[in-house]
Amino acid sequence: SYNMGWFRQGPGKEREFVAAISWGG
């Protein structure tokens, strides 16, 4: 039911995009 993503936030940094995948892959 969801499109998914991975994000990351390093020390002193803003959260940033890493990877994304649609609901069916």
PDB file of all heavy atoms in Angstrom:
ATOM      1  N   SER A   1       0.818  -1.213   0.000  1.00  0.00           N
ATOM      2  CA  SER A   1       0.000   0.000   0.000  1.00  0.00           C
ATOM      3  C   SER A   1       0.853   1.264   0.000  1.00  0.00           C
ATOM      4  O   SER A   1       0.312   2.373  -0.027  1.00  0.00           O
ATOM      5  CB  SER A   1      -0.899   0.021   1.239  1.00  0.00           C
ATOM      6  OG  SER A   1      -1.807  -1.067   1.231  1.00  0.00           O
ATOM      7  N   TYR A   2       2.190   1.082   0.005  1.00  0.00           N
ATOM      8  CA  TYR A   2       3.066   2.237   0.174  1.00  0.00           C
ATOM      9  C   TYR A   2       4.239   2.239  -0.800  1.00  0.00           C
ATOM     10  O   TYR A   2       4.841   1.203  -1.070  1.00  0.00           O
ATOM     11  CB  TYR A   2       3.616   2.265   1.594  1.00  0.00           C
ATOM     12  CG  TYR A   2       2.531   2.398   2.632  1.00  0.00           C
ATOM     13  CD1 TYR A   2       1.994   1.268   3.227  1.00  0.00           C
ATOM     14  CD2 TYR A   2       2.025   3.635   2.982  1.00  0.00           C
ATOM     15  CE1 TYR A   2       0.975   1.384   4.155  1.00  0.00           C
ATOM     16  CE2 TYR A   2       1.009   3.765   3.914  1.00  0.00           C
ATOM     17  CZ  TYR A   2       0.487   2.629   4.492  1.00  0.00           C
ATOM     18  OH  TYR A   2      -0.526   2.750   5.410  1.00  0.00           O
ATOM     19  N   ASN A   3       4.543   3.434  -1.290  1.00  0.00           N
ATOM     20  CA  ASN A   3       5.826   3.700  -1.908  1.00  0.00           C
ATOM     21  C   ASN A   3       6.797   3.996  -0.775  1.00  0.00           C
ATOM     22  O   ASN A   3       6.429   4.672   0.195  1.00  0.00           O
ATOM     23  CB  ASN A   3       5.739   4.898  -2.850  1.00  0.00           C
ATOM     24  CG  ASN A   3       4.772   4.642  -3.983  1.00  0.00           C
ATOM     25  OD1 ASN A   3       4.967   3.757  -4.814  1.00  0.00           O
ATOM     26  ND2 ASN A   3       3.684   5.421  -4.025  1.00  0.00           N
ATOM     27  N   MET A   4       8.020   3.509  -0.884  1.00  0.00           N
ATOM     28  CA  MET A   4       8.937   3.564   0.242  1.00  0.00           C
ATOM     29  C   MET A   4      10.229   4.285  -0.104  1.00  0.00           C
ATOM     30  O   MET A   4      10.632   4.356  -1.262  1.00  0.00           O
ATOM     31  CB  MET A   4       9.280   2.142   0.699  1.00  0.00           C
ATOM     32  CG  MET A   4       8.088   1.292   1.097  1.00  0.00           C
ATOM     33  SD  MET A   4       7.225   1.909   2.554  1.00  0.00           S
ATOM     34  CE  MET A   4       8.487   1.697   3.805  1.00  0.00           C
ATOM     35  N   GLY A   5      10.874   4.782   0.954  1.00  0.00           N
ATOM     36  CA  GLY A   5      12.147   5.456   0.749  1.00  0.00           C
ATOM     37  C   GLY A   5      13.068   5.277   1.937  1.00  0.00           C
ATOM     38  O   GLY A   5      12.626   4.934   3.042  1.00  0.00           O
ATOM     39  N   TRP A   6      14.339   5.469   1.693  1.00  0.00           N
ATOM     40  CA  TRP A   6      15.351   5.526   2.745  1.00  0.00           C
ATOM     41  C   TRP A   6      15.991   6.920   2.706  1.00  0.00           C
ATOM     42  O   TRP A   6      16.343   7.414   1.619  1.00  0.00           O
ATOM     43  CB  TRP A   6      16.436   4.480   2.531  1.00  0.00           C
ATOM     44  CG  TRP A   6      16.045   3.079   2.875  1.00  0.00           C
ATOM     45  CD1 TRP A   6      15.616   2.110   2.019  1.00  0.00           C
ATOM     46  CD2 TRP A   6      16.066   2.484   4.178  1.00  0.00           C
ATOM     47  NE1 TRP A   6      15.358   0.946   2.703  1.00  0.00           N
ATOM     48  CE2 TRP A   6      15.632   1.142   4.031  1.00  0.00           C
ATOM     49  CE3 TRP A   6      16.412   2.924   5.463  1.00  0.00           C
ATOM     50  CZ2 TRP A   6      15.537   0.253   5.106  1.00  0.00           C
ATOM     51  CZ3 TRP A   6      16.315   2.047   6.519  1.00  0.00           C
ATOM     52  CH2 TRP A   6      15.879   0.734   6.341  1.00  0.00           C
ATOM     53  N   PHE A   7      16.146   7.483   3.875  1.00  0.00           N
ATOM     54  CA  PHE A   7      16.812   8.769   4.027  1.00  0.00           C
ATOM     55  C   PHE A   7      17.864   8.636   5.117  1.00  0.00           C
ATOM     56  O   PHE A   7      17.844   7.670   5.878  1.00  0.00           O
ATOM     57  CB  PHE A   7      15.797   9.851   4.413  1.00  0.00           C
ATOM     58  CG  PHE A   7      14.824  10.174   3.312  1.00  0.00           C
ATOM     59  CD1 PHE A   7      13.739   9.341   3.059  1.00  0.00           C
ATOM     60  CD2 PHE A   7      14.982  11.296   2.520  1.00  0.00           C
ATOM     61  CE1 PHE A   7      12.846   9.612   2.030  1.00  0.00           C
ATOM     62  CE2 PHE A   7      14.099  11.583   1.491  1.00  0.00           C
ATOM     63  CZ  PHE A   7      13.033  10.735   1.253  1.00  0.00           C
ATOM     64  N   ARG A   8      18.766   9.594   5.198  1.00  0.00           N
ATOM     65  CA  ARG A   8      19.770   9.568   6.258  1.00  0.00           C
ATOM     66  C   ARG A   8      20.074  10.977   6.735  1.00  0.00           C
ATOM     67  O   ARG A   8      19.887  11.947   5.992  1.00  0.00           O
ATOM     68  CB  ARG A   8      21.053   8.882   5.779  1.00  0.00           C
ATOM     69  CG  ARG A   8      21.809   9.636   4.691  1.00  0.00           C
ATOM     70  CD  ARG A   8      22.987   8.807   4.203  1.00  0.00           C
ATOM     71  NE  ARG A   8      23.770   9.507   3.177  1.00  0.00           N
ATOM     72  CZ  ARG A   8      24.761   8.953   2.497  1.00  0.00           C
ATOM     73  NH1 ARG A   8      25.116   7.692   2.709  1.00  0.00           N
ATOM     74  NH2 ARG A   8      25.415   9.675   1.591  1.00  0.00           N
ATOM     75  N   GLN A   9      20.532  11.026   7.973  1.00  0.00           N
ATOM     76  CA  GLN A   9      20.907  12.316   8.555  1.00  0.00           C
ATOM     77  C   GLN A   9      22.220  12.152   9.288  1.00  0.00           C
ATOM     78  O   GLN A   9      22.289  11.457  10.319  1.00  0.00           O
ATOM     79  CB  GLN A   9      19.817  12.830   9.496  1.00  0.00           C
ATOM     80  CG  GLN A   9      20.059  14.240   9.988  1.00  0.00           C
ATOM     81  CD  GLN A   9      18.819  14.860  10.593  1.00  0.00           C
ATOM     82  OE1 GLN A   9      17.830  14.175  10.876  1.00  0.00           O
ATOM     83  NE2 GLN A   9      18.835  16.174  10.785  1.00  0.00           N
ATOM     84  N   GLY A  10      23.267  12.749   8.736  1.00  0.00           N
ATOM     85  CA  GLY A  10      24.578  12.700   9.347  1.00  0.00           C
ATOM     86  C   GLY A  10      24.730  13.754  10.421  1.00  0.00           C
ATOM     87  O   GLY A  10      23.897  14.672  10.529  1.00  0.00           O
ATOM     88  N   PRO A  11      25.788  13.673  11.209  1.00  0.00           N
ATOM     89  CA  PRO A  11      26.019  14.635  12.289  1.00  0.00           C
ATOM     90  C   PRO A  11      26.081  16.063  11.749  1.00  0.00           C
ATOM     91  O   PRO A  11      26.875  16.363  10.859  1.00  0.00           O
ATOM     92  CB  PRO A  11      27.369  14.203  12.867  1.00  0.00           C
ATOM     93  CG  PRO A  11      27.532  12.779  12.453  1.00  0.00           C
ATOM     94  CD  PRO A  11      26.834  12.637  11.149  1.00  0.00           C
ATOM     95  N   GLY A  12      25.228  16.931  12.273  1.00  0.00           N
ATOM     96  CA  GLY A  12      25.233  18.317  11.861  1.00  0.00           C
ATOM     97  C   GLY A  12      24.715  18.574  10.459  1.00  0.00           C
ATOM     98  O   GLY A  12      24.903  19.670   9.917  1.00  0.00           O
ATOM     99  N   LYS A  13      24.069  17.575   9.873  1.00  0.00           N
ATOM    100  CA  LYS A  13      23.582  17.728   8.507  1.00  0.00           C
ATOM    101  C   LYS A  13      22.065  17.608   8.450  1.00  0.00           C
ATOM    102  O   LYS A  13      21.433  17.119   9.381  1.00  0.00           O
ATOM    103  CB  LYS A  13      24.203  16.654   7.604  1.00  0.00           C
ATOM    104  CG  LYS A  13      25.710  16.727   7.496  1.00  0.00           C
ATOM    105  CD  LYS A  13      26.228  15.642   6.574  1.00  0.00           C
ATOM    106  CE  LYS A  13      27.739  15.695   6.438  1.00  0.00           C
ATOM    107  NZ  LYS A  13      28.238  14.615   5.538  1.00  0.00           N
ATOM    108  N   GLU A  14      21.503  18.053   7.347  1.00  0.00           N
ATOM    109  CA  GLU A  14      20.076  17.880   7.136  1.00  0.00           C
ATOM    110  C   GLU A  14      19.794  16.465   6.653  1.00  0.00           C
ATOM    111  O   GLU A  14      20.666  15.794   6.104  1.00  0.00           O
ATOM    112  CB  GLU A  14      19.577  18.899   6.103  1.00  0.00           C
ATOM    113  CG  GLU A  14      19.656  20.344   6.567  1.00  0.00           C
ATOM    114  CD  GLU A  14      19.024  21.299   5.583  1.00  0.00           C
ATOM    115  OE1 GLU A  14      18.688  20.876   4.464  1.00  0.00           O
ATOM    116  OE2 GLU A  14      18.859  22.482   5.933  1.00  0.00           O
ATOM    117  N   ARG A  15      18.574  16.031   6.862  1.00  0.00           N
ATOM    118  CA  ARG A  15      18.175  14.723   6.370  1.00  0.00           C
ATOM    119  C   ARG A  15      18.180  14.739   4.846  1.00  0.00           C
ATOM    120  O   ARG A  15      17.672  15.672   4.223  1.00  0.00           O
ATOM    121  CB  ARG A  15      16.789  14.353   6.907  1.00  0.00           C
ATOM    122  CG  ARG A  15      16.433  12.905   6.752  1.00  0.00           C
ATOM    123  CD  ARG A  15      15.164  12.550   7.517  1.00  0.00           C
ATOM    124  NE  ARG A  15      15.316  12.765   8.948  1.00  0.00           N
ATOM    125  CZ  ARG A  15      14.427  12.367   9.856  1.00  0.00           C
ATOM    126  NH1 ARG A  15      13.329  11.731   9.461  1.00  0.00           N
ATOM    127  NH2 ARG A  15      14.614  12.610  11.128  1.00  0.00           N
ATOM    128  N   GLU A  16      18.742  13.684   4.262  1.00  0.00           N
ATOM    129  CA  GLU A  16      18.858  13.636   2.808  1.00  0.00           C
ATOM    130  C   GLU A  16      18.363  12.324   2.234  1.00  0.00           C
ATOM    131  O   GLU A  16      18.360  11.288   2.902  1.00  0.00           O
ATOM    132  CB  GLU A  16      20.320  13.851   2.388  1.00  0.00           C
ATOM    133  CG  GLU A  16      21.268  12.765   2.837  1.00  0.00           C
ATOM    134  CD  GLU A  16      22.687  12.969   2.328  1.00  0.00           C
ATOM    135  OE1 GLU A  16      22.967  14.003   1.674  1.00  0.00           O
ATOM    136  OE2 GLU A  16      23.526  12.068   2.569  1.00  0.00           O
ATOM    137  N   PHE A  17      17.987  12.391   0.972  1.00  0.00           N
ATOM    138  CA  PHE A  17      17.491  11.224   0.255  1.00  0.00           C
ATOM    139  C   PHE A  17      18.611  10.245  -0.017  1.00  0.00           C
ATOM    140  O   PHE A  17      19.725  10.625  -0.374  1.00  0.00           O
ATOM    141  CB  PHE A  17      16.873  11.688  -1.069  1.00  0.00           C
ATOM    142  CG  PHE A  17      16.562  10.578  -2.028  1.00  0.00           C
ATOM    143  CD1 PHE A  17      15.489   9.745  -1.797  1.00  0.00           C
ATOM    144  CD2 PHE A  17      17.350  10.375  -3.150  1.00  0.00           C
ATOM    145  CE1 PHE A  17      15.200   8.721  -2.680  1.00  0.00           C
ATOM    146  CE2 PHE A  17      17.070   9.360  -4.041  1.00  0.00           C
ATOM    147  CZ  PHE A  17      15.987   8.528  -3.810  1.00  0.00           C
ATOM    148  N   VAL A  18      18.293   8.951   0.127  1.00  0.00           N
ATOM    149  CA  VAL A  18      19.241   7.888  -0.192  1.00  0.00           C
ATOM    150  C   VAL A  18      18.711   7.002  -1.315  1.00  0.00           C
ATOM    151  O   VAL A  18      19.380   6.786  -2.321  1.00  0.00           O
ATOM    152  CB  VAL A  18      19.543   7.007   1.038  1.00  0.00           C
ATOM    153  CG1 VAL A  18      20.471   5.849   0.669  1.00  0.00           C
ATOM    154  CG2 VAL A  18      20.150   7.838   2.159  1.00  0.00           C
ATOM    155  N   ALA A  19      17.478   6.490  -1.134  1.00  0.00           N
ATOM    156  CA  ALA A  19      16.940   5.554  -2.120  1.00  0.00           C
ATOM    157  C   ALA A  19      15.419   5.525  -2.001  1.00  0.00           C
ATOM    158  O   ALA A  19      14.865   5.806  -0.940  1.00  0.00           O
ATOM    159  CB  ALA A  19      17.511   4.157  -1.895  1.00  0.00           C
ATOM    160  N   ALA A  20      14.772   5.169  -3.109  1.00  0.00           N
ATOM    161  CA  ALA A  20      13.317   5.061  -3.113  1.00  0.00           C
ATOM    162  C   ALA A  20      12.898   3.910  -4.016  1.00  0.00           C
ATOM    163  O   ALA A  20      13.603   3.566  -4.978  1.00  0.00           O
ATOM    164  CB  ALA A  20      12.677   6.362  -3.598  1.00  0.00           C
ATOM    165  N   ILE A  21      11.729   3.328  -3.704  1.00  0.00           N
ATOM    166  CA  ILE A  21      11.211   2.220  -4.488  1.00  0.00           C
ATOM    167  C   ILE A  21       9.699   2.318  -4.537  1.00  0.00           C
ATOM    168  O   ILE A  21       9.054   2.679  -3.554  1.00  0.00           O
ATOM    169  CB  ILE A  21      11.688   0.867  -3.889  1.00  0.00           C
ATOM    170  CG1 ILE A  21      11.349  -0.293  -4.820  1.00  0.00           C
ATOM    171  CG2 ILE A  21      11.134   0.659  -2.486  1.00  0.00           C
ATOM    172  CD1 ILE A  21      12.072  -1.590  -4.434  1.00  0.00           C
ATOM    173  N   SER A  22       9.144   2.030  -5.698  1.00  0.00           N
ATOM    174  CA  SER A  22       7.697   2.096  -5.863  1.00  0.00           C
ATOM    175  C   SER A  22       7.020   0.934  -5.152  1.00  0.00           C
ATOM    176  O   SER A  22       7.666  -0.044  -4.753  1.00  0.00           O
ATOM    177  CB  SER A  22       7.344   2.080  -7.348  1.00  0.00           C
ATOM    178  OG  SER A  22       7.834   0.878  -7.950  1.00  0.00           O
ATOM    179  N   TRP A  23       5.700   0.998  -5.030  1.00  0.00           N
ATOM    180  CA  TRP A  23       4.957   0.038  -4.229  1.00  0.00           C
ATOM    181  C   TRP A  23       5.144  -1.401  -4.692  1.00  0.00           C
ATOM    182  O   TRP A  23       5.157  -2.317  -3.890  1.00  0.00           O
ATOM    183  CB  TRP A  23       3.465   0.391  -4.195  1.00  0.00           C
ATOM    184  CG  TRP A  23       2.772   0.262  -5.518  1.00  0.00           C
ATOM    185  CD1 TRP A  23       2.574   1.250  -6.442  1.00  0.00           C
ATOM    186  CD2 TRP A  23       2.189  -0.923  -6.082  1.00  0.00           C
ATOM    187  NE1 TRP A  23       1.928   0.753  -7.542  1.00  0.00           N
ATOM    188  CE2 TRP A  23       1.672  -0.573  -7.350  1.00  0.00           C
ATOM    189  CE3 TRP A  23       2.068  -2.241  -5.637  1.00  0.00           C
ATOM    190  CZ2 TRP A  23       1.039  -1.490  -8.168  1.00  0.00           C
ATOM    191  CZ3 TRP A  23       1.434  -3.157  -6.453  1.00  0.00           C
ATOM    192  CH2 TRP A  23       0.933  -2.791  -7.708  1.00  0.00           C
ATOM    193  N   GLY A  24       5.307  -1.605  -5.980  1.00  0.00           N
ATOM    194  CA  GLY A  24       5.471  -2.956  -6.514  1.00  0.00           C
ATOM    195  C   GLY A  24       6.916  -3.333  -6.773  1.00  0.00           C
ATOM    196  O   GLY A  24       7.206  -4.466  -7.186  1.00  0.00           O
ATOM    197  N   GLY A  25       7.835  -2.393  -6.555  1.00  0.00           N
ATOM    198  CA  GLY A  25       9.246  -2.651  -6.783  1.00  0.00           C
ATOM    199  C   GLY A  25       9.703  -2.439  -8.209  1.00  0.00           C
ATOM    200  O   GLY A  25      10.870  -2.647  -8.537  1.00  0.00           O
TER     201      GLY A  25
END
